[in-house]
Amino acid sequence: MIQAIQKYAILKDVVDRCDEVVIRTLKAGTIDEANIALESFNNGGKRLRPALLILSSMVPNAEDIVNTDPVLIELAGAVELVHLATLFHDDVIDEVDSRRSKQSARLKYGNYASVLTGDYALAEALSMVQHSELSTAMPEYIRTLQVLVRGESREVTHKFNYDLTEAEYYDVISEKSASLFALSCKVGAMSRGPEFADTLGHFGWNLGMAFQMIDDLDDLLDHPNHSYDCDLRNGYFALPMIRLFHALDNEEAKTLRGVIDRADFSPSNERYIVSLCMEYDTITQTTERIHQHLDRAMDSLSRFQPSRSLEMLTMVVDDLKSYADNQVNNFRDFLSETASSAD
């Protein structure tokens, strides 16, 4: 999904330094949960949030990424530990069996160990923020953790809520996902002074909103995007489904609810769901909303002078736009590829 980190070797070097800080922290742990956290961390990930923090620290003064301040490395590592913690907790809440193509910690070690590991990662993240000695950072991390918990609570409350509104969906993804992107960019900017913190925080929030909507499209069903992590099975409704339920007549909505309630996501039923989304144009409408958030993110960058770091942030936005457009094609291809078997 994100090519910018792979394209720029110097950015990858910085992200690798963040990884080293996290790995060193987890290896120093003396409880079993530290080893579980380390195992999951080593399974990989996009590392987008720490990269955003580093880049957002460079953009205000058009700095290049050379000799990155160790304070920033600590703060970026803390962001990734917070993200890691949410994955442990999510896996328990959603009863996830696999994570990043590996057996989930919940399945391998049990719910008890998985929850404790998430708690451990959060504690270590806050410890890293404290050690960074950027006094303005800790309140931002604490506030974001409060928002994250509220977002997770909202999401669980709305499971199998067929009357979920768009506003309620936006509240959920804003709090449980976009808030951590906003934190990454805002704290990075704050390391250079307060005057650009809100602007880059706004950039991060819009990027995070788009990122989560893209992720929700990937996880809508098992087969169209080959994610094999069907959110509908867990009762989570993303924007295409919210708009679809509000567009269907009572009889059509009743039929669709029956499929979801029975968790009957056979290839033919997945085709049925995608066909409805295409008929009512809800996937394309979702992509348009994704583009709106990414355009707003780009607008936030317009006040900054050209630099290599700004170029990298711009590339992240462009990568997400391209990926979102390709998702629409994936759904169309899914219908085309399965048309013959359906006849």
C-alpha atoms as a PDB file:
ATOM      1  CA  MET A   1       0.000   0.000   0.000  1.00  0.00           C
ATOM      2  CA  ILE A   2       2.735   2.478   0.944  1.00  0.00           C
ATOM      3  CA  GLN A   3       5.696   2.754  -1.445  1.00  0.00           C
ATOM      4  CA  ALA A   4       7.305   5.909  -0.032  1.00  0.00           C
ATOM      5  CA  ILE A   5       9.121   4.130   2.798  1.00  0.00           C
ATOM      6  CA  GLN A   6      10.560   1.526   0.421  1.00  0.00           C
ATOM      7  CA  LYS A   7      11.530   4.113  -2.198  1.00  0.00           C
ATOM      8  CA  TYR A   8      13.586   6.338   0.097  1.00  0.00           C
ATOM      9  CA  ALA A   9      16.444   4.417   1.673  1.00  0.00           C
ATOM     10  CA  ILE A  10      17.164   7.224   4.143  1.00  0.00           C
ATOM     11  CA  LEU A  11      13.604   7.059   5.483  1.00  0.00           C
ATOM     12  CA  LYS A  12      13.848   3.301   5.793  1.00  0.00           C
ATOM     13  CA  ASP A  13      17.054   3.754   7.776  1.00  0.00           C
ATOM     14  CA  VAL A  14      15.233   6.027  10.220  1.00  0.00           C
ATOM     15  CA  VAL A  15      12.329   3.590  10.542  1.00  0.00           C
ATOM     16  CA  ASP A  16      14.858   0.814  11.177  1.00  0.00           C
ATOM     17  CA  ARG A  17      16.284   2.920  14.015  1.00  0.00           C
ATOM     18  CA  CYS A  18      12.790   3.213  15.492  1.00  0.00           C
ATOM     19  CA  ASP A  19      12.458  -0.560  15.242  1.00  0.00           C
ATOM     20  CA  GLU A  20      15.760  -0.978  17.066  1.00  0.00           C
ATOM     21  CA  VAL A  21      14.530   1.197  19.944  1.00  0.00           C
ATOM     22  CA  VAL A  22      11.313  -0.811  20.243  1.00  0.00           C
ATOM     23  CA  ILE A  23      13.131  -4.143  20.025  1.00  0.00           C
ATOM     24  CA  ARG A  24      15.667  -3.069  22.648  1.00  0.00           C
ATOM     25  CA  THR A  25      12.844  -1.965  24.951  1.00  0.00           C
ATOM     26  CA  LEU A  26      10.906  -5.212  24.563  1.00  0.00           C
ATOM     27  CA  LYS A  27      14.013  -7.382  24.974  1.00  0.00           C
ATOM     28  CA  ALA A  28      14.681  -5.653  28.284  1.00  0.00           C
ATOM     29  CA  GLY A  29      11.297  -6.813  29.607  1.00  0.00           C
ATOM     30  CA  THR A  30      11.366  -9.511  32.264  1.00  0.00           C
ATOM     31  CA  ILE A  31       7.862 -10.941  31.856  1.00  0.00           C
ATOM     32  CA  ASP A  32       6.498 -13.378  29.290  1.00  0.00           C
ATOM     33  CA  GLU A  33       4.333 -10.695  27.737  1.00  0.00           C
ATOM     34  CA  ALA A  34       7.466  -8.819  26.641  1.00  0.00           C
ATOM     35  CA  ASN A  35       8.481 -11.824  24.527  1.00  0.00           C
ATOM     36  CA  ILE A  36       4.982 -12.090  23.059  1.00  0.00           C
ATOM     37  CA  ALA A  37       5.073  -8.409  22.137  1.00  0.00           C
ATOM     38  CA  LEU A  38       8.525  -8.826  20.568  1.00  0.00           C
ATOM     39  CA  GLU A  39       7.387 -11.826  18.534  1.00  0.00           C
ATOM     40  CA  SER A  40       4.401  -9.925  17.149  1.00  0.00           C
ATOM     41  CA  PHE A  41       6.446  -6.795  16.468  1.00  0.00           C
ATOM     42  CA  ASN A  42       8.982  -8.822  14.507  1.00  0.00           C
ATOM     43  CA  ASN A  43       6.184 -10.182  12.291  1.00  0.00           C
ATOM     44  CA  GLY A  44       6.354  -6.881  10.405  1.00  0.00           C
ATOM     45  CA  GLY A  45       4.050  -4.004   9.601  1.00  0.00           C
ATOM     46  CA  LYS A  46       3.965  -0.876   7.473  1.00  0.00           C
ATOM     47  CA  ARG A  47       5.617   1.310  10.168  1.00  0.00           C
ATOM     48  CA  LEU A  48       3.752   4.230   8.637  1.00  0.00           C
ATOM     49  CA  ARG A  49       2.982   6.050  11.891  1.00  0.00           C
ATOM     50  CA  PRO A  50       6.603   6.400  13.070  1.00  0.00           C
ATOM     51  CA  ALA A  51       7.601   7.465   9.553  1.00  0.00           C
ATOM     52  CA  LEU A  52       4.928  10.168   9.649  1.00  0.00           C
ATOM     53  CA  LEU A  53       6.219  11.448  12.982  1.00  0.00           C
ATOM     54  CA  ILE A  54       9.753  11.774  11.676  1.00  0.00           C
ATOM     55  CA  LEU A  55       8.692  13.424   8.418  1.00  0.00           C
ATOM     56  CA  SER A  56       6.356  15.849  10.209  1.00  0.00           C
ATOM     57  CA  SER A  57       9.254  17.005  12.346  1.00  0.00           C
ATOM     58  CA  MET A  58      11.286  17.846   9.239  1.00  0.00           C
ATOM     59  CA  VAL A  59       8.660  19.582   7.087  1.00  0.00           C
ATOM     60  CA  PRO A  60       8.219  22.855   9.081  1.00  0.00           C
ATOM     61  CA  ASN A  61      11.821  23.937   8.519  1.00  0.00           C
ATOM     62  CA  ALA A  62      12.288  22.087   5.211  1.00  0.00           C
ATOM     63  CA  GLU A  63      14.910  19.869   6.857  1.00  0.00           C
ATOM     64  CA  ASP A  64      16.391  16.796   5.270  1.00  0.00           C
ATOM     65  CA  ILE A  65      16.389  13.502   7.135  1.00  0.00           C
ATOM     66  CA  VAL A  66      19.959  13.334   8.357  1.00  0.00           C
ATOM     67  CA  ASN A  67      21.147  12.526  11.860  1.00  0.00           C
ATOM     68  CA  THR A  68      17.591  12.338  13.198  1.00  0.00           C
ATOM     69  CA  ASP A  69      17.343  13.423  16.821  1.00  0.00           C
ATOM     70  CA  PRO A  70      17.191  10.430  19.225  1.00  0.00           C
ATOM     71  CA  VAL A  71      14.241  12.175  20.938  1.00  0.00           C
ATOM     72  CA  LEU A  72      12.242  11.750  17.749  1.00  0.00           C
ATOM     73  CA  ILE A  73      13.264   8.116  17.469  1.00  0.00           C
ATOM     74  CA  GLU A  74      11.950   7.472  20.996  1.00  0.00           C
ATOM     75  CA  LEU A  75       8.670   9.241  20.270  1.00  0.00           C
ATOM     76  CA  ALA A  76       8.250   7.389  16.976  1.00  0.00           C
ATOM     77  CA  GLY A  77       8.921   4.079  18.681  1.00  0.00           C
ATOM     78  CA  ALA A  78       6.296   4.930  21.290  1.00  0.00           C
ATOM     79  CA  VAL A  79       3.701   5.545  18.564  1.00  0.00           C
ATOM     80  CA  GLU A  80       4.379   2.123  17.080  1.00  0.00           C
ATOM     81  CA  LEU A  81       4.101   0.492  20.513  1.00  0.00           C
ATOM     82  CA  VAL A  82       0.700   2.126  21.028  1.00  0.00           C
ATOM     83  CA  HIS A  83      -0.386   0.771  17.653  1.00  0.00           C
ATOM     84  CA  LEU A  84       0.934  -2.673  18.573  1.00  0.00           C
ATOM     85  CA  ALA A  85      -1.044  -2.594  21.812  1.00  0.00           C
ATOM     86  CA  THR A  86      -4.286  -1.845  19.977  1.00  0.00           C
ATOM     87  CA  LEU A  87      -3.713  -4.874  17.734  1.00  0.00           C
ATOM     88  CA  PHE A  88      -3.448  -7.199  20.730  1.00  0.00           C
ATOM     89  CA  HIS A  89      -6.650  -5.819  22.190  1.00  0.00           C
ATOM     90  CA  ASP A  90      -8.470  -5.852  18.831  1.00  0.00           C
ATOM     91  CA  ASP A  91      -7.601  -9.505  18.292  1.00  0.00           C
ATOM     92  CA  VAL A  92      -9.259 -10.439  21.571  1.00  0.00           C
ATOM     93  CA  ILE A  93     -12.350  -8.307  20.965  1.00  0.00           C
ATOM     94  CA  ASP A  94     -12.819  -9.645  17.419  1.00  0.00           C
ATOM     95  CA  GLU A  95     -11.598 -13.206  18.133  1.00  0.00           C
ATOM     96  CA  VAL A  96      -9.020 -12.908  15.354  1.00  0.00           C
ATOM     97  CA  ASP A  97      -7.127 -16.090  14.482  1.00  0.00           C
ATOM     98  CA  SER A  98      -4.373 -14.630  12.296  1.00  0.00           C
ATOM     99  CA  ARG A  99      -2.434 -11.383  12.146  1.00  0.00           C
ATOM    100  CA  ARG A 100      -0.056 -10.512   9.300  1.00  0.00           C
ATOM    101  CA  SER A 101      -0.361 -14.065   7.941  1.00  0.00           C
ATOM    102  CA  LYS A 102       0.735 -15.530  11.286  1.00  0.00           C
ATOM    103  CA  GLN A 103      -1.201 -17.107  14.124  1.00  0.00           C
ATOM    104  CA  SER A 104      -2.563 -14.352  16.360  1.00  0.00           C
ATOM    105  CA  ALA A 105      -1.284 -13.997  19.920  1.00  0.00           C
ATOM    106  CA  ARG A 106      -4.823 -14.554  21.148  1.00  0.00           C
ATOM    107  CA  LEU A 107      -4.983 -17.936  19.465  1.00  0.00           C
ATOM    108  CA  LYS A 108      -1.401 -18.914  20.280  1.00  0.00           C
ATOM    109  CA  TYR A 109      -1.164 -17.729  23.898  1.00  0.00           C
ATOM    110  CA  GLY A 110      -4.771 -17.090  24.951  1.00  0.00           C
ATOM    111  CA  ASN A 111      -6.883 -14.023  25.608  1.00  0.00           C
ATOM    112  CA  TYR A 112      -5.431 -13.398  29.058  1.00  0.00           C
ATOM    113  CA  ALA A 113      -1.848 -13.190  27.781  1.00  0.00           C
ATOM    114  CA  SER A 114      -2.893 -11.137  24.751  1.00  0.00           C
ATOM    115  CA  VAL A 115      -4.666  -8.496  26.850  1.00  0.00           C
ATOM    116  CA  LEU A 116      -1.734  -8.280  29.264  1.00  0.00           C
ATOM    117  CA  THR A 117       0.678  -7.953  26.357  1.00  0.00           C
ATOM    118  CA  GLY A 118      -1.320  -5.028  25.007  1.00  0.00           C
ATOM    119  CA  ASP A 119      -1.279  -3.407  28.437  1.00  0.00           C
ATOM    120  CA  TYR A 120       2.469  -3.986  28.699  1.00  0.00           C
ATOM    121  CA  ALA A 121       3.080  -2.374  25.296  1.00  0.00           C
ATOM    122  CA  LEU A 122       1.054   0.700  26.334  1.00  0.00           C
ATOM    123  CA  ALA A 123       3.014   1.059  29.569  1.00  0.00           C
ATOM    124  CA  GLU A 124       6.319   0.819  27.725  1.00  0.00           C
ATOM    125  CA  ALA A 125       5.135   3.358  25.161  1.00  0.00           C
ATOM    126  CA  LEU A 126       4.394   5.940  27.855  1.00  0.00           C
ATOM    127  CA  SER A 127       7.735   5.197  29.489  1.00  0.00           C
ATOM    128  CA  MET A 128       9.479   5.952  26.180  1.00  0.00           C
ATOM    129  CA  VAL A 129       7.577   9.241  25.877  1.00  0.00           C
ATOM    130  CA  GLN A 130       8.660  10.218  29.372  1.00  0.00           C
ATOM    131  CA  HIS A 131      12.285   9.396  28.610  1.00  0.00           C
ATOM    132  CA  SER A 132      12.166  11.519  25.453  1.00  0.00           C
ATOM    133  CA  GLU A 133      12.048  14.650  27.639  1.00  0.00           C
ATOM    134  CA  LEU A 134       9.756  16.488  25.217  1.00  0.00           C
ATOM    135  CA  SER A 135       7.467  17.865  27.909  1.00  0.00           C
ATOM    136  CA  THR A 136       4.615  18.727  25.539  1.00  0.00           C
ATOM    137  CA  ALA A 137       4.397  15.179  24.179  1.00  0.00           C
ATOM    138  CA  MET A 138       3.040  13.289  27.189  1.00  0.00           C
ATOM    139  CA  PRO A 139      -0.318  15.137  27.385  1.00  0.00           C
ATOM    140  CA  GLU A 140      -0.854  14.431  23.668  1.00  0.00           C
ATOM    141  CA  TYR A 141      -0.171  10.714  24.079  1.00  0.00           C
ATOM    142  CA  ILE A 142      -2.462  10.438  27.109  1.00  0.00           C
ATOM    143  CA  ARG A 143      -5.262  12.332  25.394  1.00  0.00           C
ATOM    144  CA  THR A 144      -4.928  10.128  22.313  1.00  0.00           C
ATOM    145  CA  LEU A 145      -5.092   6.960  24.433  1.00  0.00           C
ATOM    146  CA  GLN A 146      -8.330   8.227  25.970  1.00  0.00           C
ATOM    147  CA  VAL A 147      -9.727   8.884  22.501  1.00  0.00           C
ATOM    148  CA  LEU A 148      -8.602   5.458  21.244  1.00  0.00           C
ATOM    149  CA  VAL A 149     -10.410   3.694  24.079  1.00  0.00           C
ATOM    150  CA  ARG A 150     -13.557   5.710  23.424  1.00  0.00           C
ATOM    151  CA  GLY A 151     -13.407   4.807  19.738  1.00  0.00           C
ATOM    152  CA  GLU A 152     -12.998   1.101  20.474  1.00  0.00           C
ATOM    153  CA  SER A 153     -15.946   1.286  22.865  1.00  0.00           C
ATOM    154  CA  ARG A 154     -18.099   2.981  20.228  1.00  0.00           C
ATOM    155  CA  GLU A 155     -17.180   0.355  17.647  1.00  0.00           C
ATOM    156  CA  VAL A 156     -18.104  -2.557  19.908  1.00  0.00           C
ATOM    157  CA  THR A 157     -21.366  -0.837  20.864  1.00  0.00           C
ATOM    158  CA  HIS A 158     -22.317  -0.569  17.190  1.00  0.00           C
ATOM    159  CA  LYS A 159     -21.654  -4.212  16.261  1.00  0.00           C
ATOM    160  CA  PHE A 160     -24.526  -5.530  14.101  1.00  0.00           C
ATOM    161  CA  ASN A 161     -26.187  -2.115  14.269  1.00  0.00           C
ATOM    162  CA  TYR A 162     -28.038  -2.076  10.952  1.00  0.00           C
ATOM    163  CA  ASP A 163     -29.179   1.473  11.634  1.00  0.00           C
ATOM    164  CA  LEU A 164     -25.631   2.803  12.006  1.00  0.00           C
ATOM    165  CA  THR A 165     -25.353   6.314  10.566  1.00  0.00           C
ATOM    166  CA  GLU A 166     -22.489   7.790   8.605  1.00  0.00           C
ATOM    167  CA  ALA A 167     -21.861  10.271  11.418  1.00  0.00           C
ATOM    168  CA  GLU A 168     -21.525   7.432  13.934  1.00  0.00           C
ATOM    169  CA  TYR A 169     -19.157   5.564  11.616  1.00  0.00           C
ATOM    170  CA  TYR A 170     -16.994   8.674  11.172  1.00  0.00           C
ATOM    171  CA  ASP A 171     -16.834   9.128  14.949  1.00  0.00           C
ATOM    172  CA  VAL A 172     -15.589   5.556  15.350  1.00  0.00           C
ATOM    173  CA  ILE A 173     -12.832   5.692  12.750  1.00  0.00           C
ATOM    174  CA  SER A 174     -11.830   9.207  13.806  1.00  0.00           C
ATOM    175  CA  GLU A 175     -11.252   8.079  17.378  1.00  0.00           C
ATOM    176  CA  LYS A 176      -9.956   4.535  16.972  1.00  0.00           C
ATOM    177  CA  SER A 177      -7.700   5.133  13.946  1.00  0.00           C
ATOM    178  CA  ALA A 178      -7.271   8.683  12.705  1.00  0.00           C
ATOM    179  CA  SER A 179      -6.398   9.936  16.198  1.00  0.00           C
ATOM    180  CA  LEU A 180      -3.131   7.963  16.209  1.00  0.00           C
ATOM    181  CA  PHE A 181      -2.160   9.328  12.786  1.00  0.00           C
ATOM    182  CA  ALA A 182      -2.937  12.836  14.058  1.00  0.00           C
ATOM    183  CA  LEU A 183      -0.805  12.206  17.152  1.00  0.00           C
ATOM    184  CA  SER A 184       2.153  11.067  15.046  1.00  0.00           C
ATOM    185  CA  CYS A 185       2.132  14.169  12.856  1.00  0.00           C
ATOM    186  CA  LYS A 186       1.287  16.636  15.630  1.00  0.00           C
ATOM    187  CA  VAL A 187       4.014  15.438  17.986  1.00  0.00           C
ATOM    188  CA  GLY A 188       6.549  15.448  15.164  1.00  0.00           C
ATOM    189  CA  ALA A 189       5.699  19.084  14.435  1.00  0.00           C
ATOM    190  CA  MET A 190       5.703  19.993  18.141  1.00  0.00           C
ATOM    191  CA  SER A 191       9.317  18.913  18.383  1.00  0.00           C
ATOM    192  CA  ARG A 192      10.115  21.934  16.209  1.00  0.00           C
ATOM    193  CA  GLY A 193       7.754  24.336  17.995  1.00  0.00           C
ATOM    194  CA  PRO A 194       3.999  24.753  18.475  1.00  0.00           C
ATOM    195  CA  GLU A 195       3.118  26.873  15.461  1.00  0.00           C
ATOM    196  CA  PHE A 196       2.716  24.008  12.950  1.00  0.00           C
ATOM    197  CA  ALA A 197       1.337  21.355  15.301  1.00  0.00           C
ATOM    198  CA  ASP A 198      -2.332  21.875  14.460  1.00  0.00           C
ATOM    199  CA  THR A 199      -1.707  22.024  10.710  1.00  0.00           C
ATOM    200  CA  LEU A 200       0.232  18.774  10.625  1.00  0.00           C
ATOM    201  CA  GLY A 201      -2.133  17.208  13.141  1.00  0.00           C
ATOM    202  CA  HIS A 202      -4.947  18.010  10.703  1.00  0.00           C
ATOM    203  CA  PHE A 203      -2.896  16.456   7.902  1.00  0.00           C
ATOM    204  CA  GLY A 204      -2.426  13.294   9.955  1.00  0.00           C
ATOM    205  CA  TRP A 205      -6.107  13.101  10.902  1.00  0.00           C
ATOM    206  CA  ASN A 206      -7.282  13.297   7.279  1.00  0.00           C
ATOM    207  CA  LEU A 207      -4.654  10.779   6.232  1.00  0.00           C
ATOM    208  CA  GLY A 208      -5.791   8.453   9.023  1.00  0.00           C
ATOM    209  CA  MET A 209      -9.455   8.779   8.055  1.00  0.00           C
ATOM    210  CA  ALA A 210      -8.616   7.828   4.477  1.00  0.00           C
ATOM    211  CA  PHE A 211      -6.326   5.005   5.603  1.00  0.00           C
ATOM    212  CA  GLN A 212      -9.015   3.432   7.792  1.00  0.00           C
ATOM    213  CA  MET A 213     -11.676   3.713   5.095  1.00  0.00           C
ATOM    214  CA  ILE A 214      -9.280   1.982   2.701  1.00  0.00           C
ATOM    215  CA  ASP A 215      -8.610  -0.715   5.286  1.00  0.00           C
ATOM    216  CA  ASP A 216     -12.353  -1.172   5.815  1.00  0.00           C
ATOM    217  CA  LEU A 217     -12.820  -1.688   2.081  1.00  0.00           C
ATOM    218  CA  ASP A 218     -10.058  -4.305   2.099  1.00  0.00           C
ATOM    219  CA  ASP A 219     -11.682  -6.145   5.009  1.00  0.00           C
ATOM    220  CA  LEU A 220     -15.296  -5.794   3.899  1.00  0.00           C
ATOM    221  CA  LEU A 221     -15.383  -9.410   2.662  1.00  0.00           C
ATOM    222  CA  ASP A 222     -12.926 -12.270   2.330  1.00  0.00           C
ATOM    223  CA  HIS A 223     -12.368 -12.601  -1.405  1.00  0.00           C
ATOM    224  CA  PRO A 224     -12.628  -9.350  -3.415  1.00  0.00           C
ATOM    225  CA  ASN A 225      -9.381  -7.906  -2.008  1.00  0.00           C
ATOM    226  CA  HIS A 226      -7.970 -11.255  -0.848  1.00  0.00           C
ATOM    227  CA  SER A 227      -7.773 -10.127   2.786  1.00  0.00           C
ATOM    228  CA  TYR A 228      -9.628 -13.125   4.260  1.00  0.00           C
ATOM    229  CA  ASP A 229     -10.602 -10.999   7.237  1.00  0.00           C
ATOM    230  CA  CYS A 230     -14.300 -10.316   6.782  1.00  0.00           C
ATOM    231  CA  ASP A 231     -15.488  -7.396   8.937  1.00  0.00           C
ATOM    232  CA  LEU A 232     -19.125  -8.189   8.185  1.00  0.00           C
ATOM    233  CA  ARG A 233     -18.678 -11.525   9.945  1.00  0.00           C
ATOM    234  CA  ASN A 234     -17.891  -9.552  13.121  1.00  0.00           C
ATOM    235  CA  GLY A 235     -20.780  -7.154  12.582  1.00  0.00           C
ATOM    236  CA  TYR A 236     -18.720  -4.116  11.610  1.00  0.00           C
ATOM    237  CA  PHE A 237     -20.320  -1.950   8.946  1.00  0.00           C
ATOM    238  CA  ALA A 238     -18.152   0.347   6.830  1.00  0.00           C
ATOM    239  CA  LEU A 239     -19.395   3.198   4.677  1.00  0.00           C
ATOM    240  CA  PRO A 240     -20.402   1.099   1.620  1.00  0.00           C
ATOM    241  CA  MET A 241     -22.687  -1.056   3.767  1.00  0.00           C
ATOM    242  CA  ILE A 242     -24.092   1.875   5.738  1.00  0.00           C
ATOM    243  CA  ARG A 243     -25.085   3.633   2.527  1.00  0.00           C
ATOM    244  CA  LEU A 244     -26.370   0.385   1.061  1.00  0.00           C
ATOM    245  CA  PHE A 245     -28.719  -0.344   3.965  1.00  0.00           C
ATOM    246  CA  HIS A 246     -30.096   3.183   3.782  1.00  0.00           C
ATOM    247  CA  ALA A 247     -30.720   2.754   0.029  1.00  0.00           C
ATOM    248  CA  LEU A 248     -32.368  -0.689   0.028  1.00  0.00           C
ATOM    249  CA  ASP A 249     -36.089  -1.226   0.364  1.00  0.00           C
ATOM    250  CA  ASN A 250     -37.348  -3.225   3.357  1.00  0.00           C
ATOM    251  CA  GLU A 251     -37.436  -6.574   1.593  1.00  0.00           C
ATOM    252  CA  GLU A 252     -33.947  -6.273   0.115  1.00  0.00           C
ATOM    253  CA  ALA A 253     -32.556  -5.088   3.457  1.00  0.00           C
ATOM    254  CA  LYS A 254     -34.179  -8.041   5.228  1.00  0.00           C
ATOM    255  CA  THR A 255     -32.547 -10.498   2.802  1.00  0.00           C
ATOM    256  CA  LEU A 256     -29.138  -8.898   3.244  1.00  0.00           C
ATOM    257  CA  ARG A 257     -29.461  -8.858   7.034  1.00  0.00           C
ATOM    258  CA  GLY A 258     -30.240 -12.566   6.915  1.00  0.00           C
ATOM    259  CA  VAL A 259     -26.983 -13.291   5.085  1.00  0.00           C
ATOM    260  CA  ILE A 260     -24.981 -11.304   7.634  1.00  0.00           C
ATOM    261  CA  ASP A 261     -26.797 -12.699  10.688  1.00  0.00           C
ATOM    262  CA  ARG A 262     -26.145 -16.253   9.486  1.00  0.00           C
ATOM    263  CA  ALA A 263     -22.509 -15.363   8.699  1.00  0.00           C
ATOM    264  CA  ASP A 264     -23.093 -17.071   5.360  1.00  0.00           C
ATOM    265  CA  PHE A 265     -20.279 -15.527   3.346  1.00  0.00           C
ATOM    266  CA  SER A 266     -20.063 -18.107   0.599  1.00  0.00           C
ATOM    267  CA  PRO A 267     -18.624 -16.942  -2.735  1.00  0.00           C
ATOM    268  CA  SER A 268     -22.151 -16.596  -4.133  1.00  0.00           C
ATOM    269  CA  ASN A 269     -23.257 -14.447  -1.200  1.00  0.00           C
ATOM    270  CA  GLU A 270     -20.129 -12.329  -1.408  1.00  0.00           C
ATOM    271  CA  ARG A 271     -20.958 -11.806  -5.075  1.00  0.00           C
ATOM    272  CA  TYR A 272     -24.507 -10.867  -4.079  1.00  0.00           C
ATOM    273  CA  ILE A 273     -23.239  -8.259  -1.610  1.00  0.00           C
ATOM    274  CA  VAL A 274     -20.696  -6.769  -4.021  1.00  0.00           C
ATOM    275  CA  SER A 275     -23.315  -6.677  -6.774  1.00  0.00           C
ATOM    276  CA  LEU A 276     -25.632  -4.650  -4.526  1.00  0.00           C
ATOM    277  CA  CYS A 277     -22.814  -2.263  -3.626  1.00  0.00           C
ATOM    278  CA  MET A 278     -22.032  -1.783  -7.306  1.00  0.00           C
ATOM    279  CA  GLU A 279     -25.691  -1.366  -8.228  1.00  0.00           C
ATOM    280  CA  TYR A 280     -26.103   1.395  -5.652  1.00  0.00           C
ATOM    281  CA  ASP A 281     -22.594   2.783  -6.309  1.00  0.00           C
ATOM    282  CA  THR A 282     -21.598   2.709  -2.635  1.00  0.00           C
ATOM    283  CA  ILE A 283     -18.027   1.511  -3.211  1.00  0.00           C
ATOM    284  CA  THR A 284     -17.289   4.283  -5.697  1.00  0.00           C
ATOM    285  CA  GLN A 285     -18.913   6.800  -3.337  1.00  0.00           C
ATOM    286  CA  THR A 286     -16.627   5.570  -0.561  1.00  0.00           C
ATOM    287  CA  THR A 287     -13.578   6.007  -2.784  1.00  0.00           C
ATOM    288  CA  GLU A 288     -14.707   9.551  -3.525  1.00  0.00           C
ATOM    289  CA  ARG A 289     -14.893  10.255   0.214  1.00  0.00           C
ATOM    290  CA  ILE A 290     -11.401   8.792   0.635  1.00  0.00           C
ATOM    291  CA  HIS A 291     -10.126  11.167  -2.044  1.00  0.00           C
ATOM    292  CA  GLN A 292     -11.776  14.106  -0.254  1.00  0.00           C
ATOM    293  CA  HIS A 293      -9.821  13.362   2.917  1.00  0.00           C
ATOM    294  CA  LEU A 294      -6.595  12.910   0.979  1.00  0.00           C
ATOM    295  CA  ASP A 295      -7.161  16.188  -0.875  1.00  0.00           C
ATOM    296  CA  ARG A 296      -7.634  17.936   2.467  1.00  0.00           C
ATOM    297  CA  ALA A 297      -4.414  16.339   3.683  1.00  0.00           C
ATOM    298  CA  MET A 298      -2.621  17.751   0.652  1.00  0.00           C
ATOM    299  CA  ASP A 299      -4.122  21.185   1.317  1.00  0.00           C
ATOM    300  CA  SER A 300      -2.542  21.098   4.786  1.00  0.00           C
ATOM    301  CA  LEU A 301       0.875  20.591   3.193  1.00  0.00           C
ATOM    302  CA  SER A 302       0.509  23.549   0.836  1.00  0.00           C
ATOM    303  CA  ARG A 303       1.850  26.050   3.373  1.00  0.00           C
ATOM    304  CA  PHE A 304       5.255  24.359   3.626  1.00  0.00           C
ATOM    305  CA  GLN A 305       8.349  24.992   1.541  1.00  0.00           C
ATOM    306  CA  PRO A 306       9.483  22.289  -0.899  1.00  0.00           C
ATOM    307  CA  SER A 307      11.815  19.753   0.675  1.00  0.00           C
ATOM    308  CA  ARG A 308      12.653  16.089   0.471  1.00  0.00           C
ATOM    309  CA  SER A 309      10.563  15.375   3.572  1.00  0.00           C
ATOM    310  CA  LEU A 310       7.567  17.185   2.058  1.00  0.00           C
ATOM    311  CA  GLU A 311       8.041  15.148  -1.116  1.00  0.00           C
ATOM    312  CA  MET A 312       7.862  11.954   0.935  1.00  0.00           C
ATOM    313  CA  LEU A 313       4.645  12.995   2.689  1.00  0.00           C
ATOM    314  CA  THR A 314       3.150  13.872  -0.678  1.00  0.00           C
ATOM    315  CA  MET A 315       4.103  10.459  -1.976  1.00  0.00           C
ATOM    316  CA  VAL A 316       2.287   8.794   0.941  1.00  0.00           C
ATOM    317  CA  VAL A 317      -0.885  10.656  -0.052  1.00  0.00           C
ATOM    318  CA  ASP A 318      -0.452   9.709  -3.714  1.00  0.00           C
ATOM    319  CA  ASP A 319       0.147   6.051  -2.798  1.00  0.00           C
ATOM    320  CA  LEU A 320      -3.118   5.937  -0.863  1.00  0.00           C
ATOM    321  CA  LYS A 321      -5.037   7.554  -3.722  1.00  0.00           C
ATOM    322  CA  SER A 322      -3.729   4.970  -6.168  1.00  0.00           C
ATOM    323  CA  TYR A 323      -4.479   2.120  -3.803  1.00  0.00           C
ATOM    324  CA  ALA A 324      -8.055   3.327  -3.221  1.00  0.00           C
ATOM    325  CA  ASP A 325      -8.668   3.558  -6.971  1.00  0.00           C
ATOM    326  CA  ASN A 326      -7.319   0.052  -7.427  1.00  0.00           C
ATOM    327  CA  GLN A 327      -9.725  -1.271  -4.789  1.00  0.00           C
ATOM    328  CA  VAL A 328     -12.693  -0.307  -6.968  1.00  0.00           C
ATOM    329  CA  ASN A 329     -11.122  -2.266  -9.818  1.00  0.00           C
ATOM    330  CA  ASN A 330     -10.614  -5.249  -7.516  1.00  0.00           C
ATOM    331  CA  PHE A 331     -14.324  -5.351  -6.703  1.00  0.00           C
ATOM    332  CA  ARG A 332     -15.223  -5.069 -10.388  1.00  0.00           C
ATOM    333  CA  ASP A 333     -12.734  -7.806 -11.268  1.00  0.00           C
ATOM    334  CA  PHE A 334     -14.205 -10.012  -8.555  1.00  0.00           C
ATOM    335  CA  LEU A 335     -17.641  -9.750 -10.161  1.00  0.00           C
ATOM    336  CA  SER A 336     -16.217 -10.423 -13.621  1.00  0.00           C
ATOM    337  CA  GLU A 337     -14.149 -13.393 -12.514  1.00  0.00           C
ATOM    338  CA  THR A 338     -17.061 -15.007 -10.677  1.00  0.00           C
ATOM    339  CA  ALA A 339     -19.688 -14.270 -13.357  1.00  0.00           C
ATOM    340  CA  SER A 340     -19.161 -17.547 -15.200  1.00  0.00           C
ATOM    341  CA  SER A 341     -19.448 -19.665 -12.055  1.00  0.00           C
ATOM    342  CA  ALA A 342     -22.602 -17.836 -11.042  1.00  0.00           C
ATOM    343  CA  ASP A 343     -24.327 -18.590 -14.383  1.00  0.00           C
END
